[in-house]
Amino acid sequence: MSADPAPIDRTTVLDVEGMTCGHCVSAVTKELEQVQHVSNISVILRNGGLSEVTVVSDSVLDQDALRAAVDEAGYTVKAIHVDN
């Protein structure tokens, strides 16, 4: 029996500016799936406001990598909230 603790899901919420449609959601999701340790992504789309992108992982995520992924999709991260 392993003494290692079971992985704990960590939640990181990104406030993303500029997303307006399903294509936006798809583009951001696709890029974030490439970030190491990401296991799940969900999006609350707020057309004309900050969309809420929730990223679940089994370890702490590199915030610069998250920002770069969203930037690659063509959008801007305005804030990052980490729930450890």
Protein backbone atom coordinates (compact mmCIF):
# COMPACT_ATOMS: atom_id res chain seq x y z
CA MET A 1 0.00 0.00 0.00
CA SER A 2 1.35 3.37 -1.02
CA ALA A 3 1.90 6.09 1.57
CA ASP A 4 1.39 8.77 -1.08
CA PRO A 5 -1.78 10.82 -0.54
CA ALA A 6 -4.44 10.66 -3.22
CA PRO A 7 -4.33 13.55 -5.70
CA ILE A 8 -6.47 16.49 -4.70
CA ASP A 9 -8.48 18.32 -7.34
CA ARG A 10 -7.50 21.96 -7.47
CA THR A 11 -9.70 24.59 -9.02
CA THR A 12 -8.43 27.67 -10.83
CA VAL A 13 -10.92 30.22 -12.15
CA LEU A 14 -9.94 32.56 -14.95
CA ASP A 15 -11.86 35.76 -15.69
CA VAL A 16 -11.56 36.01 -19.49
CA GLU A 17 -12.44 39.07 -21.56
CA GLY A 18 -13.69 39.00 -25.14
CA MET A 19 -15.49 35.65 -25.40
CA THR A 20 -18.87 35.98 -27.13
CA CYS A 21 -19.91 32.58 -28.57
CA GLY A 22 -19.48 28.82 -28.67
CA HIS A 23 -16.50 29.14 -31.00
CA CYS A 24 -14.77 31.29 -28.38
CA VAL A 25 -15.44 28.63 -25.73
CA SER A 26 -14.08 25.93 -28.02
CA ALA A 27 -10.91 27.88 -28.85
CA VAL A 28 -10.10 28.65 -25.21
CA THR A 29 -10.89 25.09 -24.11
CA LYS A 30 -8.67 23.61 -26.82
CA GLU A 31 -5.69 25.75 -25.80
CA LEU A 32 -6.15 25.18 -22.06
CA GLU A 33 -6.33 21.40 -22.57
CA GLN A 34 -2.69 21.60 -23.70
CA VAL A 35 -1.53 22.97 -20.33
CA GLN A 36 0.17 20.30 -18.22
CA HIS A 37 -1.95 18.79 -15.39
CA VAL A 38 -5.31 20.17 -16.62
CA SER A 39 -8.01 17.50 -16.21
CA ASN A 40 -11.27 19.39 -16.82
CA ILE A 41 -12.47 22.76 -18.12
CA SER A 42 -15.88 24.40 -17.87
CA VAL A 43 -16.97 27.81 -19.09
CA ILE A 44 -19.72 30.21 -18.09
CA LEU A 45 -20.01 32.47 -21.15
CA ARG A 46 -20.96 36.07 -20.42
CA ASN A 47 -21.28 37.88 -23.73
CA GLY A 48 -20.15 41.45 -23.22
CA GLY A 49 -18.63 40.72 -19.81
CA LEU A 50 -15.98 38.58 -18.20
CA SER A 51 -16.53 34.89 -18.90
CA GLU A 52 -15.70 32.48 -16.08
CA VAL A 53 -13.39 29.63 -17.12
CA THR A 54 -12.94 26.97 -14.42
CA VAL A 55 -9.89 24.74 -14.79
CA VAL A 56 -9.56 21.60 -12.65
CA SER A 57 -6.16 19.97 -12.12
CA ASP A 58 -4.44 17.53 -9.81
CA SER A 59 -1.60 19.95 -9.03
CA VAL A 60 -0.83 23.65 -8.96
CA LEU A 61 -0.97 25.13 -12.46
CA ASP A 62 1.52 27.56 -13.95
CA GLN A 63 -0.41 30.84 -14.16
CA ASP A 64 1.83 32.11 -16.96
CA ALA A 65 1.00 28.96 -18.98
CA LEU A 66 -2.73 29.55 -18.42
CA ARG A 67 -2.44 33.18 -19.54
CA ALA A 68 -0.39 32.15 -22.58
CA ALA A 69 -2.97 29.51 -23.59
CA VAL A 70 -5.86 31.99 -23.39
CA ASP A 71 -3.78 34.58 -25.24
CA GLU A 72 -3.03 32.02 -27.97
CA ALA A 73 -6.80 31.54 -28.39
CA GLY A 74 -7.14 35.30 -28.90
CA TYR A 75 -8.54 36.40 -25.53
CA THR A 76 -7.31 38.12 -22.38
CA VAL A 77 -7.17 36.84 -18.79
CA LYS A 78 -8.18 39.69 -16.49
CA ALA A 79 -7.84 37.78 -13.20
CA ILE A 80 -6.91 34.36 -11.83
CA HIS A 81 -8.47 32.92 -8.67
CA VAL A 82 -6.83 29.81 -7.19
CA ASP A 83 -8.67 27.53 -4.74
CA ASN A 84 -6.05 25.37 -3.06
